[in-house]
């Protein structure tokens, strides 16, 4: 993977109390559309989810929404997306979001956003994927999580060799450049390793 063609955005179904959260979601959506990067997201039309998807669409971009059937009404599935996938449950939703995305961005959100983010970090820590994972740290929203991760390292629950590989962007305009840079580094690393793997086979 040397280029980013699709980005999965995890974010809240509510707007939060800080206007900069919604502003950030709209700015990210605009940036995705202008970079011809498809958005993969949770399918809702409300809160942060609706803001990022509407911004992509308003600027001529492409959107794939993936929503479980039981949330179609609660989160008001966004009907104007180019692709809407309805899944039977949350597990299928998360699997498809993973498979259809080249990278992941976590914007401000609640427990669901945190759960989706931590799952991707866990899979990456265990070597199940190498896709970039980035926290959009708008107005320091994710600082408590960074503090917790630091505490986990200090108490050796995150041990040497099992570091959590996570990107951080304090400003929306940093998000795509950091994802693209990380993807290029991953591709370069895979290219270097390929001859070694071939020799061992």
N, C-alpha and C. Protein backbone atom coordinates (compact mmCIF):
# COMPACT_ATOMS: atom_id res chain seq x y z
N UNK A 1 0.84 -1.20 0.00
CA UNK A 1 0.00 0.00 0.00
C UNK A 1 0.87 1.24 0.00
N UNK A 2 0.98 1.89 -1.13
CA UNK A 2 1.81 3.09 -1.23
C UNK A 2 0.96 4.35 -1.34
N UNK A 3 -0.31 4.19 -1.62
CA UNK A 3 -1.20 5.35 -1.72
C UNK A 3 -2.44 5.12 -0.86
N UNK A 4 -3.05 6.22 -0.47
CA UNK A 4 -4.28 6.17 0.32
C UNK A 4 -5.44 6.48 -0.62
N UNK A 5 -6.31 5.52 -0.84
CA UNK A 5 -7.47 5.72 -1.70
C UNK A 5 -8.77 5.81 -0.91
N UNK A 6 -8.78 5.20 0.26
CA UNK A 6 -9.97 5.24 1.12
C UNK A 6 -9.54 5.45 2.56
N UNK A 7 -10.29 6.27 3.27
CA UNK A 7 -10.01 6.51 4.69
C UNK A 7 -11.28 6.25 5.49
N UNK A 8 -11.14 5.44 6.51
CA UNK A 8 -12.25 5.20 7.45
C UNK A 8 -12.16 6.24 8.56
N UNK A 9 -13.26 6.93 8.80
CA UNK A 9 -13.31 7.92 9.87
C UNK A 9 -14.25 7.44 10.96
N UNK A 10 -13.72 7.28 12.15
CA UNK A 10 -14.52 6.98 13.33
C UNK A 10 -14.82 8.29 14.04
N UNK A 11 -16.07 8.52 14.39
CA UNK A 11 -16.41 9.75 15.09
C UNK A 11 -17.80 9.62 15.71
N UNK A 12 -18.16 10.59 16.51
CA UNK A 12 -19.39 10.53 17.28
C UNK A 12 -20.65 10.74 16.44
N UNK A 13 -21.74 10.15 16.90
CA UNK A 13 -23.05 10.39 16.29
C UNK A 13 -23.69 11.64 16.88
N UNK A 14 -23.01 12.28 17.83
CA UNK A 14 -23.43 13.57 18.37
C UNK A 14 -22.41 14.62 17.98
N UNK A 15 -22.75 15.91 18.16
CA UNK A 15 -21.85 16.99 17.76
C UNK A 15 -20.81 17.37 18.81
N UNK A 16 -21.01 16.94 20.06
CA UNK A 16 -20.13 17.38 21.14
C UNK A 16 -20.44 18.82 21.54
N UNK A 17 -19.75 19.30 22.54
CA UNK A 17 -20.01 20.64 23.06
C UNK A 17 -19.12 21.72 22.47
N UNK A 18 -18.06 21.30 21.79
CA UNK A 18 -17.09 22.25 21.25
C UNK A 18 -17.34 22.44 19.75
N UNK A 19 -17.66 23.64 19.31
CA UNK A 19 -17.92 23.88 17.89
C UNK A 19 -16.76 23.48 16.99
N UNK A 20 -15.55 23.45 17.53
CA UNK A 20 -14.39 23.10 16.71
C UNK A 20 -14.42 21.64 16.28
N UNK A 21 -15.15 20.80 17.00
CA UNK A 21 -15.25 19.40 16.60
C UNK A 21 -15.98 19.28 15.26
N UNK A 22 -17.14 19.91 15.15
CA UNK A 22 -17.90 19.88 13.90
C UNK A 22 -17.11 20.59 12.79
N UNK A 23 -16.47 21.70 13.13
CA UNK A 23 -15.66 22.41 12.14
C UNK A 23 -14.56 21.49 11.61
N UNK A 24 -13.95 20.74 12.50
CA UNK A 24 -12.90 19.82 12.10
C UNK A 24 -13.42 18.71 11.20
N UNK A 25 -14.60 18.20 11.53
CA UNK A 25 -15.20 17.15 10.71
C UNK A 25 -15.48 17.66 9.30
N UNK A 26 -16.00 18.86 9.21
CA UNK A 26 -16.29 19.45 7.89
C UNK A 26 -15.00 19.69 7.11
N UNK A 27 -13.97 20.16 7.79
CA UNK A 27 -12.69 20.42 7.12
C UNK A 27 -12.06 19.13 6.62
N UNK A 28 -12.17 18.07 7.41
CA UNK A 28 -11.62 16.79 6.98
C UNK A 28 -12.39 16.26 5.77
N UNK A 29 -13.71 16.38 5.80
CA UNK A 29 -14.51 15.93 4.67
C UNK A 29 -14.14 16.66 3.39
N UNK A 30 -13.95 17.96 3.48
CA UNK A 30 -13.54 18.76 2.33
C UNK A 30 -12.18 18.31 1.81
N UNK A 31 -11.25 18.08 2.73
CA UNK A 31 -9.90 17.65 2.35
C UNK A 31 -9.92 16.30 1.65
N UNK A 32 -10.75 15.38 2.14
CA UNK A 32 -10.86 14.06 1.51
C UNK A 32 -11.37 14.20 0.08
N UNK A 33 -12.43 14.98 -0.09
CA UNK A 33 -13.01 15.15 -1.42
C UNK A 33 -12.00 15.77 -2.38
N UNK A 34 -11.31 16.80 -1.93
CA UNK A 34 -10.36 17.50 -2.79
C UNK A 34 -9.13 16.65 -3.12
N UNK A 35 -8.88 15.62 -2.31
CA UNK A 35 -7.76 14.71 -2.56
C UNK A 35 -8.20 13.43 -3.27
N UNK A 36 -9.48 13.39 -3.65
CA UNK A 36 -10.03 12.20 -4.33
C UNK A 36 -9.87 10.93 -3.49
N UNK A 37 -10.07 11.08 -2.20
CA UNK A 37 -10.01 9.95 -1.27
C UNK A 37 -11.43 9.65 -0.80
N UNK A 38 -11.86 8.42 -0.98
CA UNK A 38 -13.21 8.03 -0.58
C UNK A 38 -13.31 7.92 0.94
N UNK A 39 -14.41 8.42 1.48
CA UNK A 39 -14.70 8.27 2.90
C UNK A 39 -15.45 6.97 3.15
N UNK A 40 -15.00 6.23 4.14
CA UNK A 40 -15.73 5.08 4.67
C UNK A 40 -16.09 5.44 6.11
N UNK A 41 -17.37 5.36 6.44
CA UNK A 41 -17.77 5.78 7.79
C UNK A 41 -19.03 5.03 8.21
N UNK A 42 -19.55 5.39 9.38
CA UNK A 42 -20.63 4.63 9.99
C UNK A 42 -22.02 4.80 9.42
N UNK A 43 -22.19 5.65 8.42
CA UNK A 43 -23.46 5.70 7.69
C UNK A 43 -24.51 6.67 8.20
N UNK A 44 -24.29 7.32 9.35
CA UNK A 44 -25.30 8.20 9.91
C UNK A 44 -25.29 9.59 9.30
N UNK A 45 -26.38 10.33 9.54
CA UNK A 45 -26.49 11.69 9.01
C UNK A 45 -26.47 12.74 10.12
N UNK A 46 -26.22 12.31 11.35
CA UNK A 46 -26.26 13.22 12.49
C UNK A 46 -24.88 13.36 13.11
N UNK A 47 -24.71 14.43 13.90
CA UNK A 47 -23.49 14.64 14.66
C UNK A 47 -22.25 14.75 13.81
N UNK A 48 -21.13 14.28 14.35
CA UNK A 48 -19.85 14.31 13.64
C UNK A 48 -19.91 13.47 12.37
N UNK A 49 -20.58 12.34 12.45
CA UNK A 49 -20.68 11.47 11.28
C UNK A 49 -21.33 12.19 10.11
N UNK A 50 -22.46 12.83 10.37
CA UNK A 50 -23.15 13.54 9.31
C UNK A 50 -22.34 14.69 8.77
N UNK A 51 -21.61 15.38 9.65
CA UNK A 51 -20.82 16.55 9.24
C UNK A 51 -19.71 16.15 8.28
N UNK A 52 -18.98 15.09 8.58
CA UNK A 52 -17.87 14.71 7.72
C UNK A 52 -18.38 14.17 6.39
N UNK A 53 -19.46 13.36 6.42
CA UNK A 53 -19.99 12.79 5.18
C UNK A 53 -20.60 13.88 4.29
N UNK A 54 -21.37 14.78 4.88
CA UNK A 54 -21.97 15.87 4.09
C UNK A 54 -20.90 16.73 3.43
N UNK A 55 -19.82 16.98 4.16
CA UNK A 55 -18.75 17.81 3.61
C UNK A 55 -18.08 17.13 2.42
N UNK A 56 -17.86 15.82 2.53
CA UNK A 56 -17.29 15.09 1.38
C UNK A 56 -18.21 15.22 0.17
N UNK A 57 -19.49 14.97 0.38
CA UNK A 57 -20.45 15.00 -0.73
C UNK A 57 -20.62 16.41 -1.29
N UNK A 58 -20.65 17.39 -0.41
CA UNK A 58 -20.82 18.79 -0.85
C UNK A 58 -19.67 19.27 -1.72
N UNK A 59 -18.51 18.61 -1.58
CA UNK A 59 -17.33 19.01 -2.36
C UNK A 59 -17.02 18.00 -3.45
N UNK A 60 -18.01 17.21 -3.82
CA UNK A 60 -17.87 16.32 -4.97
C UNK A 60 -17.15 15.01 -4.71
N UNK A 61 -17.02 14.62 -3.44
CA UNK A 61 -16.31 13.39 -3.11
C UNK A 61 -17.22 12.18 -3.04
N UNK A 62 -16.61 11.03 -2.76
CA UNK A 62 -17.31 9.75 -2.71
C UNK A 62 -17.38 9.24 -1.28
N UNK A 63 -18.53 8.64 -0.94
CA UNK A 63 -18.77 8.18 0.43
C UNK A 63 -19.36 6.78 0.43
N UNK A 64 -18.81 5.94 1.27
CA UNK A 64 -19.39 4.63 1.56
C UNK A 64 -19.83 4.63 3.02
N UNK A 65 -21.12 4.46 3.25
CA UNK A 65 -21.64 4.34 4.61
C UNK A 65 -21.89 2.88 4.94
N UNK A 66 -21.52 2.47 6.14
CA UNK A 66 -21.73 1.09 6.57
C UNK A 66 -22.43 1.13 7.92
N UNK A 67 -23.67 0.67 7.95
CA UNK A 67 -24.49 0.84 9.14
C UNK A 67 -25.25 -0.44 9.45
N UNK A 68 -25.30 -0.86 10.72
CA UNK A 68 -26.11 -2.04 11.06
C UNK A 68 -27.60 -1.69 10.98
N UNK A 69 -28.38 -2.67 10.66
CA UNK A 69 -29.80 -2.45 10.43
C UNK A 69 -30.49 -1.78 11.62
N UNK A 70 -30.12 -2.15 12.84
CA UNK A 70 -30.83 -1.62 14.01
C UNK A 70 -30.51 -0.14 14.28
N UNK A 71 -29.48 0.39 13.60
CA UNK A 71 -29.13 1.81 13.79
C UNK A 71 -29.61 2.70 12.64
N UNK A 72 -30.23 2.12 11.64
CA UNK A 72 -30.63 2.92 10.47
C UNK A 72 -31.55 4.07 10.86
N UNK A 73 -32.47 3.83 11.77
CA UNK A 73 -33.40 4.87 12.21
C UNK A 73 -32.77 5.75 13.28
N UNK A 74 -32.10 5.14 14.24
CA UNK A 74 -31.53 5.89 15.36
C UNK A 74 -30.50 6.91 14.89
N UNK A 75 -29.66 6.53 13.93
CA UNK A 75 -28.62 7.43 13.45
C UNK A 75 -28.98 8.06 12.11
N UNK A 76 -30.23 7.89 11.69
CA UNK A 76 -30.72 8.52 10.45
C UNK A 76 -29.75 8.30 9.29
N UNK A 77 -29.73 7.09 8.78
CA UNK A 77 -28.82 6.75 7.69
C UNK A 77 -28.86 7.79 6.57
N UNK A 78 -27.69 8.23 6.14
CA UNK A 78 -27.58 9.28 5.13
C UNK A 78 -27.88 8.70 3.75
N UNK A 79 -29.00 9.09 3.19
CA UNK A 79 -29.48 8.45 1.96
C UNK A 79 -28.79 8.93 0.69
N UNK A 80 -28.08 10.06 0.73
CA UNK A 80 -27.50 10.58 -0.51
C UNK A 80 -26.07 10.11 -0.79
N UNK A 81 -25.57 9.20 0.02
CA UNK A 81 -24.23 8.66 -0.24
C UNK A 81 -24.27 7.79 -1.49
N UNK A 82 -23.12 7.64 -2.15
CA UNK A 82 -23.07 6.82 -3.35
C UNK A 82 -23.23 5.33 -3.04
N UNK A 83 -22.81 4.93 -1.83
CA UNK A 83 -22.89 3.52 -1.46
C UNK A 83 -23.28 3.41 0.01
N UNK A 84 -24.35 2.69 0.29
CA UNK A 84 -24.76 2.44 1.66
C UNK A 84 -24.89 0.93 1.85
N UNK A 85 -24.13 0.41 2.79
CA UNK A 85 -24.15 -1.02 3.08
C UNK A 85 -24.82 -1.21 4.44
N UNK A 86 -25.86 -2.02 4.48
CA UNK A 86 -26.57 -2.32 5.73
C UNK A 86 -26.16 -3.71 6.19
N UNK A 87 -25.63 -3.78 7.39
CA UNK A 87 -25.15 -5.05 7.92
C UNK A 87 -26.11 -5.59 8.98
N UNK A 88 -26.03 -6.90 9.26
CA UNK A 88 -26.92 -7.47 10.28
C UNK A 88 -26.51 -7.13 11.71
N UNK A 89 -25.24 -6.77 11.91
CA UNK A 89 -24.78 -6.50 13.27
C UNK A 89 -23.53 -5.62 13.25
N UNK A 90 -23.06 -5.24 14.44
CA UNK A 90 -21.91 -4.37 14.58
C UNK A 90 -20.62 -5.06 14.12
N UNK A 91 -20.51 -6.37 14.36
CA UNK A 91 -19.30 -7.08 13.99
C UNK A 91 -19.06 -7.03 12.49
N UNK A 92 -20.11 -7.27 11.72
CA UNK A 92 -20.00 -7.21 10.27
C UNK A 92 -19.68 -5.79 9.81
N UNK A 93 -20.29 -4.82 10.46
CA UNK A 93 -20.01 -3.41 10.12
C UNK A 93 -18.53 -3.12 10.27
N UNK A 94 -17.95 -3.50 11.40
CA UNK A 94 -16.55 -3.19 11.66
C UNK A 94 -15.62 -3.95 10.71
N UNK A 95 -15.99 -5.19 10.39
CA UNK A 95 -15.17 -5.97 9.46
C UNK A 95 -15.12 -5.30 8.09
N UNK A 96 -16.27 -4.88 7.60
CA UNK A 96 -16.32 -4.24 6.29
C UNK A 96 -15.61 -2.89 6.29
N UNK A 97 -15.77 -2.14 7.37
CA UNK A 97 -15.07 -0.86 7.46
C UNK A 97 -13.56 -1.07 7.39
N UNK A 98 -13.09 -2.12 8.04
CA UNK A 98 -11.66 -2.43 7.99
C UNK A 98 -11.23 -2.83 6.59
N UNK A 99 -11.97 -3.74 5.98
CA UNK A 99 -11.57 -4.27 4.67
C UNK A 99 -11.59 -3.22 3.58
N UNK A 100 -12.47 -2.23 3.69
CA UNK A 100 -12.63 -1.25 2.63
C UNK A 100 -11.76 0.00 2.82
N UNK A 101 -10.93 0.00 3.84
CA UNK A 101 -10.17 1.21 4.17
C UNK A 101 -8.67 0.99 4.10
N UNK A 102 -7.96 2.02 3.65
CA UNK A 102 -6.50 2.00 3.61
C UNK A 102 -5.89 2.62 4.86
N UNK A 103 -6.68 3.39 5.60
CA UNK A 103 -6.19 4.07 6.79
C UNK A 103 -7.39 4.43 7.67
N UNK A 104 -7.09 4.78 8.92
CA UNK A 104 -8.15 5.06 9.89
C UNK A 104 -7.87 6.36 10.63
N UNK A 105 -8.92 7.16 10.78
CA UNK A 105 -8.82 8.42 11.52
C UNK A 105 -9.90 8.41 12.60
N UNK A 106 -9.50 8.68 13.83
CA UNK A 106 -10.46 8.80 14.93
C UNK A 106 -10.60 10.26 15.29
N UNK A 107 -11.80 10.80 15.07
CA UNK A 107 -12.12 12.15 15.48
C UNK A 107 -12.81 12.09 16.84
N UNK A 108 -13.09 13.22 17.46
CA UNK A 108 -13.79 13.19 18.74
C UNK A 108 -15.08 12.37 18.66
N UNK A 109 -15.33 11.62 19.70
CA UNK A 109 -16.52 10.78 19.76
C UNK A 109 -16.65 10.16 21.13
N UNK A 110 -17.57 9.21 21.25
CA UNK A 110 -17.86 8.58 22.53
C UNK A 110 -17.30 7.17 22.64
N UNK A 111 -17.99 6.34 23.40
CA UNK A 111 -17.52 4.98 23.69
C UNK A 111 -17.40 4.16 22.40
N UNK A 112 -18.35 4.31 21.49
CA UNK A 112 -18.29 3.56 20.24
C UNK A 112 -17.08 3.92 19.42
N UNK A 113 -16.78 5.20 19.34
CA UNK A 113 -15.59 5.66 18.61
C UNK A 113 -14.33 5.10 19.25
N UNK A 114 -14.27 5.14 20.58
CA UNK A 114 -13.12 4.63 21.30
C UNK A 114 -12.95 3.13 21.07
N UNK A 115 -14.06 2.42 21.09
CA UNK A 115 -14.00 0.96 20.90
C UNK A 115 -13.47 0.60 19.53
N UNK A 116 -13.95 1.30 18.50
CA UNK A 116 -13.49 1.03 17.14
C UNK A 116 -12.01 1.36 16.98
N UNK A 117 -11.59 2.48 17.56
CA UNK A 117 -10.19 2.88 17.51
C UNK A 117 -9.30 1.85 18.20
N UNK A 118 -9.66 1.46 19.42
CA UNK A 118 -8.82 0.55 20.19
C UNK A 118 -8.72 -0.81 19.51
N UNK A 119 -9.79 -1.24 18.86
CA UNK A 119 -9.73 -2.50 18.13
C UNK A 119 -8.67 -2.44 17.03
N UNK A 120 -8.65 -1.35 16.26
CA UNK A 120 -7.66 -1.22 15.20
C UNK A 120 -6.24 -1.16 15.77
N UNK A 121 -6.07 -0.46 16.89
CA UNK A 121 -4.76 -0.39 17.52
C UNK A 121 -4.32 -1.77 18.00
N UNK A 122 -5.25 -2.55 18.54
CA UNK A 122 -4.94 -3.89 19.03
C UNK A 122 -4.52 -4.79 17.89
N UNK A 123 -5.30 -4.77 16.81
CA UNK A 123 -4.96 -5.60 15.65
C UNK A 123 -3.60 -5.22 15.10
N UNK A 124 -3.31 -3.92 15.07
CA UNK A 124 -2.03 -3.46 14.55
C UNK A 124 -0.89 -3.90 15.48
N UNK A 125 -1.12 -3.78 16.79
CA UNK A 125 -0.12 -4.19 17.76
C UNK A 125 0.21 -5.67 17.62
N UNK A 126 -0.79 -6.48 17.27
CA UNK A 126 -0.61 -7.92 17.14
C UNK A 126 -0.16 -8.34 15.74
N UNK A 127 0.07 -7.34 14.88
CA UNK A 127 0.57 -7.64 13.55
C UNK A 127 -0.46 -8.12 12.56
N UNK A 128 -1.74 -7.86 12.83
CA UNK A 128 -2.78 -8.31 11.92
C UNK A 128 -2.99 -7.35 10.75
N UNK A 129 -2.50 -6.13 10.85
CA UNK A 129 -2.52 -5.20 9.73
C UNK A 129 -1.44 -4.14 9.95
N UNK A 130 -1.13 -3.41 8.87
CA UNK A 130 -0.11 -2.36 8.95
C UNK A 130 -0.66 -1.03 8.46
N UNK A 131 -1.97 -0.88 8.44
CA UNK A 131 -2.58 0.34 7.94
C UNK A 131 -2.41 1.48 8.96
N UNK A 132 -2.18 2.70 8.49
CA UNK A 132 -2.00 3.82 9.43
C UNK A 132 -3.26 4.09 10.25
N UNK A 133 -3.06 4.40 11.52
CA UNK A 133 -4.14 4.77 12.44
C UNK A 133 -3.77 6.13 13.04
N UNK A 134 -4.67 7.09 12.92
CA UNK A 134 -4.36 8.46 13.35
C UNK A 134 -5.46 9.02 14.25
N UNK A 135 -5.03 9.72 15.29
CA UNK A 135 -5.96 10.42 16.17
C UNK A 135 -6.00 11.89 15.79
N UNK A 136 -7.18 12.38 15.43
CA UNK A 136 -7.37 13.81 15.15
C UNK A 136 -7.59 14.50 16.49
N UNK A 137 -6.52 15.05 17.02
CA UNK A 137 -6.50 15.56 18.40
C UNK A 137 -7.01 17.00 18.46
N UNK A 138 -8.23 17.21 17.98
CA UNK A 138 -8.80 18.55 17.91
C UNK A 138 -9.01 19.11 19.32
N UNK A 139 -8.44 20.27 19.57
CA UNK A 139 -8.51 20.90 20.90
C UNK A 139 -8.14 19.93 22.01
N UNK A 140 -7.11 19.10 21.74
CA UNK A 140 -6.56 18.17 22.74
C UNK A 140 -7.57 17.11 23.19
N UNK A 141 -8.55 16.78 22.35
CA UNK A 141 -9.59 15.84 22.76
C UNK A 141 -9.01 14.50 23.22
N UNK A 142 -7.98 14.01 22.53
CA UNK A 142 -7.46 12.68 22.82
C UNK A 142 -6.31 12.67 23.83
N UNK A 143 -5.98 13.80 24.42
CA UNK A 143 -4.86 13.83 25.36
C UNK A 143 -5.04 12.85 26.53
N UNK A 144 -6.25 12.69 27.10
CA UNK A 144 -6.40 11.70 28.18
C UNK A 144 -6.03 10.28 27.74
N UNK A 145 -6.30 9.94 26.47
CA UNK A 145 -5.94 8.61 25.98
C UNK A 145 -4.42 8.48 25.86
N UNK A 146 -3.77 9.53 25.36
CA UNK A 146 -2.30 9.48 25.29
C UNK A 146 -1.69 9.33 26.67
N UNK A 147 -2.29 9.99 27.67
CA UNK A 147 -1.82 9.85 29.05
C UNK A 147 -1.99 8.43 29.53
N UNK A 148 -3.13 7.82 29.21
CA UNK A 148 -3.39 6.43 29.62
C UNK A 148 -2.40 5.48 28.95
N UNK A 149 -2.12 5.67 27.66
CA UNK A 149 -1.16 4.82 26.97
C UNK A 149 0.22 4.94 27.58
N UNK A 150 0.59 6.17 27.95
CA UNK A 150 1.88 6.38 28.61
C UNK A 150 1.93 5.64 29.94
N UNK A 151 0.82 5.68 30.68
CA UNK A 151 0.74 4.97 31.96
C UNK A 151 0.86 3.46 31.74
N UNK A 152 0.26 2.95 30.69
CA UNK A 152 0.34 1.52 30.37
C UNK A 152 1.78 1.11 30.06
N UNK A 153 2.51 2.00 29.36
CA UNK A 153 3.91 1.70 29.08
C UNK A 153 4.75 1.72 30.36
N UNK A 154 4.49 2.71 31.21
CA UNK A 154 5.25 2.83 32.45
C UNK A 154 5.03 1.63 33.36
N UNK A 155 3.83 1.09 33.35
CA UNK A 155 3.51 -0.08 34.18
C UNK A 155 3.74 -1.39 33.45
N UNK A 156 4.32 -1.30 32.24
CA UNK A 156 4.75 -2.44 31.43
C UNK A 156 3.61 -3.36 31.00
N UNK A 157 2.42 -2.80 30.87
CA UNK A 157 1.36 -3.56 30.21
C UNK A 157 1.46 -3.40 28.70
N UNK A 158 2.12 -2.33 28.27
CA UNK A 158 2.58 -2.22 26.89
C UNK A 158 4.09 -2.37 26.97
N UNK A 159 4.57 -3.57 26.66
CA UNK A 159 5.98 -3.90 26.85
C UNK A 159 6.79 -3.59 25.60
N UNK A 160 8.09 -3.61 25.75
CA UNK A 160 9.00 -3.39 24.63
C UNK A 160 8.70 -4.43 23.55
N UNK A 161 8.62 -3.98 22.32
CA UNK A 161 8.28 -4.87 21.22
C UNK A 161 6.80 -4.93 20.94
N UNK A 162 5.99 -4.36 21.82
CA UNK A 162 4.54 -4.33 21.63
C UNK A 162 4.03 -2.89 21.69
N UNK A 163 4.83 -1.98 21.16
CA UNK A 163 4.44 -0.57 21.20
C UNK A 163 3.18 -0.35 20.37
N UNK A 164 2.42 0.66 20.72
CA UNK A 164 1.21 1.03 19.99
C UNK A 164 1.60 2.07 18.95
N UNK A 165 1.53 1.68 17.69
CA UNK A 165 1.94 2.55 16.58
C UNK A 165 0.76 3.43 16.18
N UNK A 166 0.78 4.67 16.65
CA UNK A 166 -0.36 5.56 16.43
C UNK A 166 0.14 6.95 16.01
N UNK A 167 -0.55 7.52 15.04
CA UNK A 167 -0.23 8.86 14.57
C UNK A 167 -1.10 9.89 15.29
N UNK A 168 -0.62 11.11 15.32
CA UNK A 168 -1.36 12.18 15.99
C UNK A 168 -1.31 13.44 15.15
N UNK A 169 -2.47 14.08 14.98
CA UNK A 169 -2.54 15.35 14.26
C UNK A 169 -3.33 16.33 15.10
N UNK A 170 -2.71 17.44 15.44
CA UNK A 170 -3.41 18.46 16.23
C UNK A 170 -4.24 19.38 15.35
N UNK A 171 -3.93 19.41 14.05
CA UNK A 171 -4.68 20.24 13.11
C UNK A 171 -5.16 19.39 11.95
N UNK A 172 -6.34 19.67 11.45
CA UNK A 172 -6.95 18.86 10.40
C UNK A 172 -6.07 18.81 9.16
N UNK A 173 -5.43 19.93 8.83
CA UNK A 173 -4.61 19.96 7.61
C UNK A 173 -3.39 19.05 7.69
N UNK A 174 -3.07 18.56 8.87
CA UNK A 174 -1.94 17.62 9.03
C UNK A 174 -2.35 16.18 8.77
N UNK A 175 -3.65 15.89 8.78
CA UNK A 175 -4.11 14.50 8.77
C UNK A 175 -3.70 13.75 7.51
N UNK A 176 -4.10 14.23 6.35
CA UNK A 176 -3.81 13.50 5.12
C UNK A 176 -2.31 13.42 4.82
N UNK A 177 -1.54 14.50 4.98
CA UNK A 177 -0.10 14.36 4.77
C UNK A 177 0.54 13.29 5.67
N UNK A 178 0.11 13.22 6.92
CA UNK A 178 0.67 12.22 7.83
C UNK A 178 0.27 10.81 7.43
N UNK A 179 -0.97 10.62 6.98
CA UNK A 179 -1.40 9.31 6.53
C UNK A 179 -0.63 8.87 5.29
N UNK A 180 -0.48 9.80 4.35
CA UNK A 180 0.24 9.47 3.11
C UNK A 180 1.70 9.16 3.39
N UNK A 181 2.32 9.91 4.28
CA UNK A 181 3.72 9.66 4.64
C UNK A 181 3.87 8.29 5.30
N UNK A 182 2.95 7.97 6.19
CA UNK A 182 3.00 6.67 6.87
C UNK A 182 2.81 5.53 5.89
N UNK A 183 1.87 5.69 4.96
CA UNK A 183 1.62 4.65 3.96
C UNK A 183 2.85 4.43 3.09
N UNK A 184 3.53 5.52 2.72
CA UNK A 184 4.74 5.41 1.90
C UNK A 184 5.84 4.68 2.66
N UNK A 185 5.97 4.97 3.95
CA UNK A 185 6.99 4.31 4.76
C UNK A 185 6.71 2.82 4.90
N UNK A 186 5.41 2.48 5.05
CA UNK A 186 5.02 1.07 5.16
C UNK A 186 5.34 0.34 3.86
N UNK A 187 5.02 0.98 2.73
CA UNK A 187 5.30 0.37 1.43
C UNK A 187 6.80 0.15 1.23
N UNK A 188 7.59 1.15 1.63
CA UNK A 188 9.04 1.04 1.50
C UNK A 188 9.59 -0.10 2.36
N UNK A 189 9.04 -0.23 3.57
CA UNK A 189 9.48 -1.29 4.47
C UNK A 189 9.13 -2.66 3.90
N UNK A 190 7.93 -2.78 3.34
CA UNK A 190 7.50 -4.05 2.75
C UNK A 190 8.37 -4.41 1.55
N UNK A 191 8.77 -3.41 0.77
CA UNK A 191 9.63 -3.64 -0.38
C UNK A 191 11.00 -4.16 0.05
N UNK A 192 11.53 -3.59 1.13
CA UNK A 192 12.84 -4.03 1.63
C UNK A 192 12.77 -5.45 2.17
N UNK A 193 11.65 -5.80 2.81
CA UNK A 193 11.52 -7.12 3.42
C UNK A 193 11.24 -8.22 2.42
N UNK A 194 10.67 -7.88 1.28
CA UNK A 194 10.24 -8.88 0.31
C UNK A 194 11.37 -9.82 -0.11
N UNK A 195 12.58 -9.33 -0.48
CA UNK A 195 13.66 -10.25 -0.87
C UNK A 195 14.06 -11.21 0.27
N UNK A 196 14.04 -10.69 1.52
CA UNK A 196 14.40 -11.54 2.64
C UNK A 196 13.40 -12.66 2.83
N UNK A 197 12.11 -12.33 2.70
CA UNK A 197 11.06 -13.34 2.83
C UNK A 197 11.19 -14.37 1.73
N UNK A 198 11.48 -13.92 0.50
CA UNK A 198 11.60 -14.83 -0.64
C UNK A 198 12.76 -15.82 -0.42
N UNK A 199 13.88 -15.31 0.16
CA UNK A 199 15.02 -16.19 0.39
C UNK A 199 14.72 -17.29 1.41
N UNK A 200 13.81 -16.98 2.35
CA UNK A 200 13.49 -17.95 3.40
C UNK A 200 12.52 -19.01 2.92
N UNK A 201 11.82 -18.73 1.81
CA UNK A 201 10.81 -19.67 1.31
C UNK A 201 11.47 -20.81 0.52
